[in-house]
Amino acid sequence: MRIAIDAMGGDFAPREIVKGAVEAARGLAGIEKLFLVGDETAIKAELALYGKIPACIEIRHASEVVEMGDSPALSLRRKRDSSIMRSVELVKDGLADAIFSAGSTGAAVAASMLRLRTIEKVDRPAIAAIMPSIKGPFVLLDAGATPDCTPKMLAEFAIMGSIYAENILNIVSPRVGLMSIGEEDSKGSKSTKEAFQILEKTRLNFIGNVESHDMFEGAVDVVVCDGFVGNVVLKTSEGAAHAIIQWIKESFSASLVRKIGAGILKASGAFAELKKKTDPEAYGGAPLLGVKGVCIIGHGSSSSFAVYNAIRAAGTAIEQKVNQLIEEKINEVFKDSE
């Protein structure tokens, strides 16, 4: 597998990005090439910290960086030598099979759309966020790539999410649910009602409408919604998780007895187990499904652990031929569409 890495994207770039890439090069099998794209001087300075560098790592210089506050559309026109653009172009030119970036999500989506285009009969791509439930992980899409969706787009997201859940998360016959304001098929917006009718006719394991609480109770494996709703759900969930963690810390430090209890729980591994179940960095990032080429978008605060896992996830998507499976299923379901 050959992966282009935006070395300048993210809050802790290039240090954590380079560290994660070196760890992946040393610890993952099947890596043919890891391109570190960005400021050559800065990348070399980071690589110097690790002694002998694996031969699969190669630097590709890019003189510009798309900042988080930059307009994605304007930045791609004005910063044509940006690390994100050069990374995507490596995939377009056939030199890499996948890209990872923890930088601007908007720029990553826009660059992938502009340079790679979408898979045949896929109208718009979707960001698939992997989230935890009490029974295991589930896929939420779209998490922000396409705010306004047609019913057909929602159906496309369902197909792509189902394939990803089955082939990457190893969920047999994943249950697909359409996010709505009630379980009855009569409820929801005009778009979700029409999407419901389309999904009923597919061979997906479509279980109908689902509500927000169903996600975390483990009642569904793939949750489909437009990018506006999905991003709100994702950010709200992250905020709620951070608040709960803070409440737990404050509660356990309120008295000596509680501090002793917290110490016992920590020693028992209970906290570590909980962190492992809820740590988004274990998945590395969210795939942008529907574009030609594998694209993994990391959180802006990605650590080297997240980068390592993003590279692993990209490699698995390449090996499992996720894009080919998506194209085949999309063509099967929409074979009569224009």
C-alpha atoms as a PDB file:
ATOM      1  CA  MET A   1       0.000   0.000   0.000  1.00  0.00           C
ATOM      2  CA  ARG A   2       1.130   3.520  -0.841  1.00  0.00           C
ATOM      3  CA  ILE A   3      -0.186   6.368   1.298  1.00  0.00           C
ATOM      4  CA  ALA A   4       0.231  10.135   0.965  1.00  0.00           C
ATOM      5  CA  ILE A   5       0.273  11.906   4.326  1.00  0.00           C
ATOM      6  CA  ASP A   6      -0.404  15.598   4.786  1.00  0.00           C
ATOM      7  CA  ALA A   7       2.457  16.201   7.214  1.00  0.00           C
ATOM      8  CA  MET A   8       1.455  19.815   7.887  1.00  0.00           C
ATOM      9  CA  GLY A   9      -2.217  19.225   8.719  1.00  0.00           C
ATOM     10  CA  GLY A  10      -3.386  19.224  12.326  1.00  0.00           C
ATOM     11  CA  ASP A  11      -2.826  20.998  15.633  1.00  0.00           C
ATOM     12  CA  PHE A  12       0.372  19.075  16.349  1.00  0.00           C
ATOM     13  CA  ALA A  13       1.862  18.906  12.869  1.00  0.00           C
ATOM     14  CA  PRO A  14       4.408  18.040  11.762  1.00  0.00           C
ATOM     15  CA  ARG A  15       5.695  16.413  14.976  1.00  0.00           C
ATOM     16  CA  GLU A  16       2.839  13.990  15.735  1.00  0.00           C
ATOM     17  CA  ILE A  17       2.178  13.295  12.056  1.00  0.00           C
ATOM     18  CA  VAL A  18       5.788  12.346  11.386  1.00  0.00           C
ATOM     19  CA  LYS A  19       6.014  10.293  14.575  1.00  0.00           C
ATOM     20  CA  GLY A  20       2.892   8.333  13.664  1.00  0.00           C
ATOM     21  CA  ALA A  21       4.181   7.727  10.147  1.00  0.00           C
ATOM     22  CA  VAL A  22       7.517   6.407  11.435  1.00  0.00           C
ATOM     23  CA  GLU A  23       5.747   4.116  13.897  1.00  0.00           C
ATOM     24  CA  ALA A  24       3.463   2.827  11.136  1.00  0.00           C
ATOM     25  CA  ALA A  25       6.399   2.231   8.793  1.00  0.00           C
ATOM     26  CA  ARG A  26       8.096   0.186  11.501  1.00  0.00           C
ATOM     27  CA  GLY A  27       5.041  -1.607  12.846  1.00  0.00           C
ATOM     28  CA  LEU A  28       2.649  -2.285   9.974  1.00  0.00           C
ATOM     29  CA  ALA A  29       3.108  -4.932   7.290  1.00  0.00           C
ATOM     30  CA  GLY A  30       2.505  -4.317   3.599  1.00  0.00           C
ATOM     31  CA  ILE A  31       3.591  -0.689   3.405  1.00  0.00           C
ATOM     32  CA  GLU A  32       5.289   0.023   0.109  1.00  0.00           C
ATOM     33  CA  LYS A  33       5.511   3.796   0.387  1.00  0.00           C
ATOM     34  CA  LEU A  34       4.610   6.546   2.857  1.00  0.00           C
ATOM     35  CA  PHE A  35       4.864  10.007   1.329  1.00  0.00           C
ATOM     36  CA  LEU A  36       5.305  12.780   3.899  1.00  0.00           C
ATOM     37  CA  VAL A  37       4.056  15.881   2.123  1.00  0.00           C
ATOM     38  CA  GLY A  38       4.900  19.351   3.394  1.00  0.00           C
ATOM     39  CA  ASP A  39       7.775  21.606   4.352  1.00  0.00           C
ATOM     40  CA  GLU A  40      10.873  19.520   3.638  1.00  0.00           C
ATOM     41  CA  THR A  41      13.071  21.249   6.228  1.00  0.00           C
ATOM     42  CA  ALA A  42      10.521  20.823   9.008  1.00  0.00           C
ATOM     43  CA  ILE A  43       9.862  17.186   8.122  1.00  0.00           C
ATOM     44  CA  LYS A  44      13.579  16.339   7.997  1.00  0.00           C
ATOM     45  CA  ALA A  45      14.056  17.932  11.412  1.00  0.00           C
ATOM     46  CA  GLU A  46      11.388  15.660  12.863  1.00  0.00           C
ATOM     47  CA  LEU A  47      12.684  12.555  11.132  1.00  0.00           C
ATOM     48  CA  ALA A  48      16.142  13.241  12.581  1.00  0.00           C
ATOM     49  CA  LEU A  49      14.731  12.371  16.016  1.00  0.00           C
ATOM     50  CA  TYR A  50      14.230   8.717  15.052  1.00  0.00           C
ATOM     51  CA  GLY A  51      17.630   7.546  13.856  1.00  0.00           C
ATOM     52  CA  LYS A  52      17.531   5.254  10.856  1.00  0.00           C
ATOM     53  CA  ILE A  53      14.359   5.932   8.893  1.00  0.00           C
ATOM     54  CA  PRO A  54      12.515   3.089   7.101  1.00  0.00           C
ATOM     55  CA  ALA A  55      13.188   3.076   3.368  1.00  0.00           C
ATOM     56  CA  CYS A  56       9.476   3.303   2.577  1.00  0.00           C
ATOM     57  CA  ILE A  57       9.288   6.892   3.840  1.00  0.00           C
ATOM     58  CA  GLU A  58       9.742   9.600   1.216  1.00  0.00           C
ATOM     59  CA  ILE A  59       9.434  13.370   1.554  1.00  0.00           C
ATOM     60  CA  ARG A  60       7.528  15.413  -1.026  1.00  0.00           C
ATOM     61  CA  HIS A  61       8.011  19.144  -0.570  1.00  0.00           C
ATOM     62  CA  ALA A  62       5.017  21.493  -0.495  1.00  0.00           C
ATOM     63  CA  SER A  63       5.587  25.161   0.239  1.00  0.00           C
ATOM     64  CA  GLU A  64       2.105  26.080   1.525  1.00  0.00           C
ATOM     65  CA  VAL A  65      -0.329  25.002   4.226  1.00  0.00           C
ATOM     66  CA  VAL A  66      -4.123  25.341   4.306  1.00  0.00           C
ATOM     67  CA  GLU A  67      -4.916  26.739   7.734  1.00  0.00           C
ATOM     68  CA  MET A  68      -8.028  25.766   9.684  1.00  0.00           C
ATOM     69  CA  GLY A  69      -9.533  29.214   9.230  1.00  0.00           C
ATOM     70  CA  ASP A  70      -8.970  29.348   5.463  1.00  0.00           C
ATOM     71  CA  SER A  71     -11.901  29.072   3.081  1.00  0.00           C
ATOM     72  CA  PRO A  72     -11.564  25.612   1.460  1.00  0.00           C
ATOM     73  CA  ALA A  73     -12.561  26.813  -2.013  1.00  0.00           C
ATOM     74  CA  LEU A  74     -10.358  29.919  -1.947  1.00  0.00           C
ATOM     75  CA  SER A  75      -7.388  28.119  -0.412  1.00  0.00           C
ATOM     76  CA  LEU A  76      -7.335  25.484  -3.141  1.00  0.00           C
ATOM     77  CA  ARG A  77      -7.183  28.216  -5.775  1.00  0.00           C
ATOM     78  CA  ARG A  78      -4.684  30.426  -3.966  1.00  0.00           C
ATOM     79  CA  LYS A  79      -2.518  27.742  -2.351  1.00  0.00           C
ATOM     80  CA  ARG A  80      -1.949  25.317  -5.177  1.00  0.00           C
ATOM     81  CA  ASP A  81       1.293  24.115  -3.617  1.00  0.00           C
ATOM     82  CA  SER A  82      -0.357  23.248  -0.304  1.00  0.00           C
ATOM     83  CA  SER A  83       0.431  19.982   1.461  1.00  0.00           C
ATOM     84  CA  ILE A  84      -3.181  18.795   1.190  1.00  0.00           C
ATOM     85  CA  MET A  85      -3.387  19.517  -2.542  1.00  0.00           C
ATOM     86  CA  ARG A  86      -0.048  17.854  -3.292  1.00  0.00           C
ATOM     87  CA  SER A  87      -1.073  14.818  -1.232  1.00  0.00           C
ATOM     88  CA  VAL A  88      -4.305  14.386  -3.183  1.00  0.00           C
ATOM     89  CA  GLU A  89      -2.449  14.817  -6.462  1.00  0.00           C
ATOM     90  CA  LEU A  90      -0.203  11.870  -5.583  1.00  0.00           C
ATOM     91  CA  VAL A  91      -3.335   9.711  -5.545  1.00  0.00           C
ATOM     92  CA  LYS A  92      -4.661  11.300  -8.737  1.00  0.00           C
ATOM     93  CA  ASP A  93      -1.350  10.618 -10.504  1.00  0.00           C
ATOM     94  CA  GLY A  94      -1.380   6.964  -9.425  1.00  0.00           C
ATOM     95  CA  LEU A  95       1.668   7.270  -7.164  1.00  0.00           C
ATOM     96  CA  ALA A  96      -0.365   6.677  -3.995  1.00  0.00           C
ATOM     97  CA  ASP A  97      -3.516   4.704  -3.209  1.00  0.00           C
ATOM     98  CA  ALA A  98      -4.713   6.712  -0.231  1.00  0.00           C
ATOM     99  CA  ILE A  99      -4.395  10.011   1.581  1.00  0.00           C
ATOM    100  CA  PHE A 100      -4.499  10.952   5.255  1.00  0.00           C
ATOM    101  CA  SER A 101      -4.925  14.483   6.562  1.00  0.00           C
ATOM    102  CA  ALA A 102      -5.646  15.871  10.023  1.00  0.00           C
ATOM    103  CA  GLY A 103      -5.868  19.390   8.627  1.00  0.00           C
ATOM    104  CA  SER A 104      -8.857  21.323   7.346  1.00  0.00           C
ATOM    105  CA  THR A 105     -11.728  18.893   6.737  1.00  0.00           C
ATOM    106  CA  GLY A 106     -13.275  21.255   4.210  1.00  0.00           C
ATOM    107  CA  ALA A 107     -10.038  21.481   2.244  1.00  0.00           C
ATOM    108  CA  ALA A 108      -9.575  17.699   2.276  1.00  0.00           C
ATOM    109  CA  VAL A 109     -13.114  17.161   0.983  1.00  0.00           C
ATOM    110  CA  ALA A 110     -12.832  19.908  -1.624  1.00  0.00           C
ATOM    111  CA  ALA A 111      -9.420  18.772  -2.878  1.00  0.00           C
ATOM    112  CA  SER A 112     -10.566  15.155  -3.123  1.00  0.00           C
ATOM    113  CA  MET A 113     -13.728  16.165  -4.996  1.00  0.00           C
ATOM    114  CA  LEU A 114     -11.795  18.444  -7.338  1.00  0.00           C
ATOM    115  CA  ARG A 115      -8.868  16.177  -8.137  1.00  0.00           C
ATOM    116  CA  LEU A 116     -10.146  12.634  -7.603  1.00  0.00           C
ATOM    117  CA  ARG A 117     -13.834  13.042  -8.486  1.00  0.00           C
ATOM    118  CA  THR A 118     -16.513  10.703  -7.215  1.00  0.00           C
ATOM    119  CA  ILE A 119     -17.101   7.046  -8.003  1.00  0.00           C
ATOM    120  CA  GLU A 120     -19.454   6.453 -10.929  1.00  0.00           C
ATOM    121  CA  LYS A 121     -23.113   7.155  -9.988  1.00  0.00           C
ATOM    122  CA  VAL A 122     -22.116   8.588  -6.589  1.00  0.00           C
ATOM    123  CA  ASP A 123     -23.512  12.110  -6.463  1.00  0.00           C
ATOM    124  CA  ARG A 124     -21.674  13.320  -3.375  1.00  0.00           C
ATOM    125  CA  PRO A 125     -19.178  11.829  -0.915  1.00  0.00           C
ATOM    126  CA  ALA A 126     -19.849  11.255   2.776  1.00  0.00           C
ATOM    127  CA  ILE A 127     -17.654  11.369   5.858  1.00  0.00           C
ATOM    128  CA  ALA A 128     -18.162   8.149   7.811  1.00  0.00           C
ATOM    129  CA  ALA A 129     -17.506   8.682  11.519  1.00  0.00           C
ATOM    130  CA  ILE A 130     -16.896   5.563  13.612  1.00  0.00           C
ATOM    131  CA  MET A 131     -18.594   5.949  17.000  1.00  0.00           C
ATOM    132  CA  PRO A 132     -19.002   3.726  20.085  1.00  0.00           C
ATOM    133  CA  SER A 133     -22.198   2.156  21.426  1.00  0.00           C
ATOM    134  CA  ILE A 134     -22.800  -0.193  24.349  1.00  0.00           C
ATOM    135  CA  LYS A 135     -22.620  -3.132  21.921  1.00  0.00           C
ATOM    136  CA  GLY A 136     -19.725  -2.035  19.721  1.00  0.00           C
ATOM    137  CA  PRO A 137     -18.858   0.556  17.077  1.00  0.00           C
ATOM    138  CA  PHE A 138     -21.273   1.917  14.510  1.00  0.00           C
ATOM    139  CA  VAL A 139     -20.892   4.112  11.430  1.00  0.00           C
ATOM    140  CA  LEU A 140     -22.497   7.552  11.219  1.00  0.00           C
ATOM    141  CA  LEU A 141     -22.641   9.181   7.792  1.00  0.00           C
ATOM    142  CA  ASP A 142     -22.614  11.811   6.538  1.00  0.00           C
ATOM    143  CA  ALA A 143     -20.692  13.586   9.327  1.00  0.00           C
ATOM    144  CA  GLY A 144     -20.174  16.831   7.465  1.00  0.00           C
ATOM    145  CA  ALA A 145     -19.160  16.552   3.816  1.00  0.00           C
ATOM    146  CA  THR A 146     -22.603  17.166   2.257  1.00  0.00           C
ATOM    147  CA  PRO A 147     -24.970  19.342   4.357  1.00  0.00           C
ATOM    148  CA  ASP A 148     -27.882  19.299   1.889  1.00  0.00           C
ATOM    149  CA  CYS A 149     -28.854  15.900   0.495  1.00  0.00           C
ATOM    150  CA  THR A 150     -31.333  14.457  -1.954  1.00  0.00           C
ATOM    151  CA  PRO A 151     -33.088  11.159  -1.123  1.00  0.00           C
ATOM    152  CA  LYS A 152     -30.813   9.379  -3.610  1.00  0.00           C
ATOM    153  CA  MET A 153     -27.725  10.724  -1.839  1.00  0.00           C
ATOM    154  CA  LEU A 154     -28.991   9.365   1.479  1.00  0.00           C
ATOM    155  CA  ALA A 155     -29.499   5.978  -0.155  1.00  0.00           C
ATOM    156  CA  GLU A 156     -25.955   6.145  -1.550  1.00  0.00           C
ATOM    157  CA  PHE A 157     -24.639   6.901   1.940  1.00  0.00           C
ATOM    158  CA  ALA A 158     -26.479   3.852   3.257  1.00  0.00           C
ATOM    159  CA  ILE A 159     -24.845   1.609   0.666  1.00  0.00           C
ATOM    160  CA  MET A 160     -21.369   3.013   1.280  1.00  0.00           C
ATOM    161  CA  GLY A 161     -21.737   2.834   5.061  1.00  0.00           C
ATOM    162  CA  SER A 162     -22.978  -0.748   4.928  1.00  0.00           C
ATOM    163  CA  ILE A 163     -20.034  -1.849   2.826  1.00  0.00           C
ATOM    164  CA  TYR A 164     -17.570  -0.080   5.120  1.00  0.00           C
ATOM    165  CA  ALA A 165     -19.118  -1.573   8.267  1.00  0.00           C
ATOM    166  CA  GLU A 166     -19.072  -5.070   6.806  1.00  0.00           C
ATOM    167  CA  ASN A 167     -15.568  -5.024   5.340  1.00  0.00           C
ATOM    168  CA  ILE A 168     -13.675  -2.800   7.788  1.00  0.00           C
ATOM    169  CA  LEU A 169     -15.539  -3.242  11.087  1.00  0.00           C
ATOM    170  CA  ASN A 170     -16.317  -6.906  10.291  1.00  0.00           C
ATOM    171  CA  ILE A 171     -20.031  -6.556  11.082  1.00  0.00           C
ATOM    172  CA  VAL A 172     -22.023  -9.305   9.378  1.00  0.00           C
ATOM    173  CA  SER A 173     -25.119  -7.971   7.584  1.00  0.00           C
ATOM    174  CA  PRO A 174     -24.924  -4.525   9.212  1.00  0.00           C
ATOM    175  CA  ARG A 175     -28.241  -3.021  10.274  1.00  0.00           C
ATOM    176  CA  VAL A 176     -28.861   0.240   8.423  1.00  0.00           C
ATOM    177  CA  GLY A 177     -31.067   2.910   9.970  1.00  0.00           C
ATOM    178  CA  LEU A 178     -32.257   6.255   8.635  1.00  0.00           C
ATOM    179  CA  MET A 179     -32.012   9.068  11.181  1.00  0.00           C
ATOM    180  CA  SER A 180     -35.413  10.634  11.787  1.00  0.00           C
ATOM    181  CA  ILE A 181     -37.684  12.083  14.466  1.00  0.00           C
ATOM    182  CA  GLY A 182     -39.650   8.871  14.952  1.00  0.00           C
ATOM    183  CA  GLU A 183     -39.542   5.205  14.006  1.00  0.00           C
ATOM    184  CA  GLU A 184     -42.691   5.301  11.859  1.00  0.00           C
ATOM    185  CA  ASP A 185     -42.071   5.651   8.119  1.00  0.00           C
ATOM    186  CA  SER A 186     -44.594   8.493   8.047  1.00  0.00           C
ATOM    187  CA  LYS A 187     -42.301  10.668  10.153  1.00  0.00           C
ATOM    188  CA  GLY A 188     -39.359  12.762   9.020  1.00  0.00           C
ATOM    189  CA  SER A 189     -38.616  15.325   6.345  1.00  0.00           C
ATOM    190  CA  LYS A 190     -39.694  15.006   2.734  1.00  0.00           C
ATOM    191  CA  SER A 191     -36.163  13.898   1.859  1.00  0.00           C
ATOM    192  CA  THR A 192     -35.955  11.165   4.520  1.00  0.00           C
ATOM    193  CA  LYS A 193     -39.420   9.855   3.637  1.00  0.00           C
ATOM    194  CA  GLU A 194     -38.396   9.465   0.003  1.00  0.00           C
ATOM    195  CA  ALA A 195     -35.057   7.934   1.005  1.00  0.00           C
ATOM    196  CA  PHE A 196     -36.977   5.428   3.134  1.00  0.00           C
ATOM    197  CA  GLN A 197     -38.878   4.272   0.041  1.00  0.00           C
ATOM    198  CA  ILE A 198     -35.637   3.814  -1.918  1.00  0.00           C
ATOM    199  CA  LEU A 199     -33.888   1.909   0.868  1.00  0.00           C
ATOM    200  CA  GLU A 200     -36.804  -0.481   1.326  1.00  0.00           C
ATOM    201  CA  LYS A 201     -36.225  -1.710  -2.218  1.00  0.00           C
ATOM    202  CA  THR A 202     -32.516  -2.447  -1.777  1.00  0.00           C
ATOM    203  CA  ARG A 203     -30.993  -5.652  -0.466  1.00  0.00           C
ATOM    204  CA  LEU A 204     -29.431  -3.845   2.472  1.00  0.00           C
ATOM    205  CA  ASN A 205     -30.382  -4.898   5.975  1.00  0.00           C
ATOM    206  CA  PHE A 206     -32.514  -1.773   6.290  1.00  0.00           C
ATOM    207  CA  ILE A 207     -34.317  -1.608   9.643  1.00  0.00           C
ATOM    208  CA  GLY A 208     -36.187   1.639   8.982  1.00  0.00           C
ATOM    209  CA  ASN A 209     -36.096   4.931  10.829  1.00  0.00           C
ATOM    210  CA  VAL A 210     -33.992   5.273  13.975  1.00  0.00           C
ATOM    211  CA  GLU A 211     -33.738   7.989  16.602  1.00  0.00           C
ATOM    212  CA  SER A 212     -30.617   9.398  18.246  1.00  0.00           C
ATOM    213  CA  HIS A 213     -30.834   7.194  21.343  1.00  0.00           C
ATOM    214  CA  ASP A 214     -30.821   4.048  19.171  1.00  0.00           C
ATOM    215  CA  MET A 215     -27.235   4.748  18.115  1.00  0.00           C
ATOM    216  CA  PHE A 216     -25.642   4.456  21.537  1.00  0.00           C
ATOM    217  CA  GLU A 217     -27.913   1.615  22.648  1.00  0.00           C
ATOM    218  CA  GLY A 218     -26.440  -0.595  19.929  1.00  0.00           C
ATOM    219  CA  ALA A 219     -29.666  -0.972  17.954  1.00  0.00           C
ATOM    220  CA  VAL A 220     -28.084  -0.024  14.618  1.00  0.00           C
ATOM    221  CA  ASP A 221     -24.731  -0.461  12.835  1.00  0.00           C
ATOM    222  CA  VAL A 222     -25.013   2.221  10.135  1.00  0.00           C
ATOM    223  CA  VAL A 223     -26.804   5.509  10.778  1.00  0.00           C
ATOM    224  CA  VAL A 224     -27.665   7.595   7.701  1.00  0.00           C
ATOM    225  CA  CYS A 225     -28.354  11.335   7.699  1.00  0.00           C
ATOM    226  CA  ASP A 226     -27.366  14.488   5.853  1.00  0.00           C
ATOM    227  CA  GLY A 227     -24.073  16.179   6.675  1.00  0.00           C
ATOM    228  CA  PHE A 228     -25.675  18.988   8.672  1.00  0.00           C
ATOM    229  CA  VAL A 229     -27.464  16.634  11.065  1.00  0.00           C
ATOM    230  CA  GLY A 230     -24.517  14.236  11.198  1.00  0.00           C
ATOM    231  CA  ASN A 231     -22.007  16.918  12.106  1.00  0.00           C
ATOM    232  CA  VAL A 232     -24.291  18.281  14.838  1.00  0.00           C
ATOM    233  CA  VAL A 233     -24.722  14.756  16.241  1.00  0.00           C
ATOM    234  CA  LEU A 234     -20.968  14.129  16.142  1.00  0.00           C
ATOM    235  CA  LYS A 235     -19.970  17.420  17.768  1.00  0.00           C
ATOM    236  CA  THR A 236     -22.741  17.154  20.388  1.00  0.00           C
ATOM    237  CA  SER A 237     -21.616  13.622  21.273  1.00  0.00           C
ATOM    238  CA  GLU A 238     -17.999  14.757  21.616  1.00  0.00           C
ATOM    239  CA  GLY A 239     -19.038  17.647  23.836  1.00  0.00           C
ATOM    240  CA  ALA A 240     -21.218  15.447  26.023  1.00  0.00           C
ATOM    241  CA  ALA A 241     -18.395  12.907  26.403  1.00  0.00           C
ATOM    242  CA  HIS A 242     -15.936  15.612  27.469  1.00  0.00           C
ATOM    243  CA  ALA A 243     -18.446  16.991  29.986  1.00  0.00           C
ATOM    244  CA  ILE A 244     -19.082  13.553  31.500  1.00  0.00           C
ATOM    245  CA  ILE A 245     -15.351  12.911  31.854  1.00  0.00           C
ATOM    246  CA  GLN A 246     -14.922  16.243  33.608  1.00  0.00           C
ATOM    247  CA  TRP A 247     -17.828  15.488  35.961  1.00  0.00           C
ATOM    248  CA  ILE A 248     -16.301  12.114  36.819  1.00  0.00           C
ATOM    249  CA  LYS A 249     -12.924  13.714  37.586  1.00  0.00           C
ATOM    250  CA  GLU A 250     -14.517  16.354  39.809  1.00  0.00           C
ATOM    251  CA  SER A 251     -16.657  13.771  41.595  1.00  0.00           C
ATOM    252  CA  PHE A 252     -13.737  11.430  42.344  1.00  0.00           C
ATOM    253  CA  SER A 253     -11.573  14.253  43.671  1.00  0.00           C
ATOM    254  CA  ALA A 254     -14.249  15.638  46.023  1.00  0.00           C
ATOM    255  CA  SER A 255     -13.078  13.717  49.111  1.00  0.00           C
ATOM    256  CA  LEU A 256     -10.303  11.458  50.371  1.00  0.00           C
ATOM    257  CA  VAL A 257     -12.553   8.394  50.275  1.00  0.00           C
ATOM    258  CA  ARG A 258     -13.461   9.069  46.654  1.00  0.00           C
ATOM    259  CA  LYS A 259      -9.803   9.610  45.755  1.00  0.00           C
ATOM    260  CA  ILE A 260      -8.952   6.227  47.259  1.00  0.00           C
ATOM    261  CA  GLY A 261     -11.824   4.649  45.306  1.00  0.00           C
ATOM    262  CA  ALA A 262     -10.593   6.290  42.119  1.00  0.00           C
ATOM    263  CA  GLY A 263      -7.116   4.921  42.775  1.00  0.00           C
ATOM    264  CA  ILE A 264      -8.504   1.405  43.164  1.00  0.00           C
ATOM    265  CA  LEU A 265     -10.487   1.696  39.929  1.00  0.00           C
ATOM    266  CA  LYS A 266      -7.434   3.004  38.107  1.00  0.00           C
ATOM    267  CA  ALA A 267      -5.269   0.170  39.437  1.00  0.00           C
ATOM    268  CA  SER A 268      -7.896  -2.369  38.387  1.00  0.00           C
ATOM    269  CA  GLY A 269      -7.756  -1.185  34.783  1.00  0.00           C
ATOM    270  CA  ALA A 270     -11.398  -0.053  34.729  1.00  0.00           C
ATOM    271  CA  PHE A 271     -10.561   3.461  33.537  1.00  0.00           C
ATOM    272  CA  ALA A 272      -8.175   2.146  30.879  1.00  0.00           C
ATOM    273  CA  GLU A 273     -10.856  -0.220  29.581  1.00  0.00           C
ATOM    274  CA  LEU A 274     -13.400   2.597  29.405  1.00  0.00           C
ATOM    275  CA  LYS A 275     -10.944   4.855  27.575  1.00  0.00           C
ATOM    276  CA  LYS A 276     -10.182   2.124  25.068  1.00  0.00           C
ATOM    277  CA  LYS A 277     -13.879   1.660  24.271  1.00  0.00           C
ATOM    278  CA  THR A 278     -14.523   5.360  23.749  1.00  0.00           C
ATOM    279  CA  ASP A 279     -11.230   6.571  22.260  1.00  0.00           C
ATOM    280  CA  PRO A 280     -11.858   7.849  18.693  1.00  0.00           C
ATOM    281  CA  GLU A 281      -8.122   7.740  17.994  1.00  0.00           C
ATOM    282  CA  ALA A 282      -8.318   3.946  17.945  1.00  0.00           C
ATOM    283  CA  TYR A 283      -9.935   4.267  14.506  1.00  0.00           C
ATOM    284  CA  GLY A 284      -7.494   6.937  13.314  1.00  0.00           C
ATOM    285  CA  GLY A 285      -9.982   9.050  11.450  1.00  0.00           C
ATOM    286  CA  ALA A 286     -13.106   9.097   9.345  1.00  0.00           C
ATOM    287  CA  PRO A 287     -13.057   7.838   5.741  1.00  0.00           C
ATOM    288  CA  LEU A 288     -14.420  10.087   3.011  1.00  0.00           C
ATOM    289  CA  LEU A 289     -16.474   7.512   1.138  1.00  0.00           C
ATOM    290  CA  GLY A 290     -17.479   7.918  -2.484  1.00  0.00           C
ATOM    291  CA  VAL A 291     -14.337   9.451  -4.001  1.00  0.00           C
ATOM    292  CA  LYS A 292     -11.940   7.658  -6.314  1.00  0.00           C
ATOM    293  CA  GLY A 293      -9.174   6.774  -3.935  1.00  0.00           C
ATOM    294  CA  VAL A 294      -9.093   6.166  -0.206  1.00  0.00           C
ATOM    295  CA  CYS A 295      -9.212   9.326   1.904  1.00  0.00           C
ATOM    296  CA  ILE A 296      -8.988   9.273   5.711  1.00  0.00           C
ATOM    297  CA  ILE A 297      -9.716  12.525   7.542  1.00  0.00           C
ATOM    298  CA  GLY A 298      -8.275  12.807  11.030  1.00  0.00           C
ATOM    299  CA  HIS A 299      -9.290  15.011  13.936  1.00  0.00           C
ATOM    300  CA  GLY A 300      -7.345  18.261  14.178  1.00  0.00           C
ATOM    301  CA  SER A 301      -5.902  17.151  17.521  1.00  0.00           C
ATOM    302  CA  SER A 302      -4.679  13.796  16.157  1.00  0.00           C
ATOM    303  CA  SER A 303      -1.763  12.290  18.059  1.00  0.00           C
ATOM    304  CA  SER A 304       0.814   9.899  16.649  1.00  0.00           C
ATOM    305  CA  PHE A 305      -1.425   7.040  17.868  1.00  0.00           C
ATOM    306  CA  ALA A 306      -4.284   8.360  15.716  1.00  0.00           C
ATOM    307  CA  VAL A 307      -1.973   8.796  12.720  1.00  0.00           C
ATOM    308  CA  TYR A 308      -0.723   5.217  13.091  1.00  0.00           C
ATOM    309  CA  ASN A 309      -4.289   3.905  13.183  1.00  0.00           C
ATOM    310  CA  ALA A 310      -5.359   6.100  10.268  1.00  0.00           C
ATOM    311  CA  ILE A 311      -2.584   4.607   8.150  1.00  0.00           C
ATOM    312  CA  ARG A 312      -3.676   1.131   9.265  1.00  0.00           C
ATOM    313  CA  ALA A 313      -7.313   1.919   8.379  1.00  0.00           C
ATOM    314  CA  ALA A 314      -6.297   3.257   4.972  1.00  0.00           C
ATOM    315  CA  GLY A 315      -4.314   0.102   4.299  1.00  0.00           C
ATOM    316  CA  THR A 316      -7.257  -2.109   5.254  1.00  0.00           C
ATOM    317  CA  ALA A 317      -9.608  -0.151   2.959  1.00  0.00           C
ATOM    318  CA  ILE A 318      -7.138  -0.634   0.099  1.00  0.00           C
ATOM    319  CA  GLU A 319      -6.721  -4.347   0.789  1.00  0.00           C
ATOM    320  CA  GLN A 320     -10.472  -4.936   1.094  1.00  0.00           C
ATOM    321  CA  LYS A 321     -11.125  -3.043  -2.165  1.00  0.00           C
ATOM    322  CA  VAL A 322     -13.805  -0.931  -0.484  1.00  0.00           C
ATOM    323  CA  ASN A 323     -14.110   1.489  -3.402  1.00  0.00           C
ATOM    324  CA  GLN A 324     -14.589  -1.339  -5.897  1.00  0.00           C
ATOM    325  CA  LEU A 325     -17.311  -2.865  -3.719  1.00  0.00           C
ATOM    326  CA  ILE A 326     -19.047   0.504  -3.408  1.00  0.00           C
ATOM    327  CA  GLU A 327     -18.989   1.034  -7.160  1.00  0.00           C
ATOM    328  CA  GLU A 328     -20.397  -2.434  -7.817  1.00  0.00           C
ATOM    329  CA  LYS A 329     -23.221  -2.029  -5.272  1.00  0.00           C
ATOM    330  CA  ILE A 330     -24.099   1.508  -6.379  1.00  0.00           C
ATOM    331  CA  ASN A 331     -24.298   0.338 -10.001  1.00  0.00           C
ATOM    332  CA  GLU A 332     -26.475  -2.594  -8.981  1.00  0.00           C
ATOM    333  CA  VAL A 333     -28.963  -0.471  -7.048  1.00  0.00           C
ATOM    334  CA  PHE A 334     -29.072   2.465  -9.469  1.00  0.00           C
ATOM    335  CA  LYS A 335     -28.471   0.612 -12.742  1.00  0.00           C
ATOM    336  CA  ASP A 336     -31.485   2.236 -14.390  1.00  0.00           C
ATOM    337  CA  SER A 337     -30.703   5.800 -13.243  1.00  0.00           C
ATOM    338  CA  GLU A 338     -29.166   8.390 -15.505  1.00  0.00           C
END
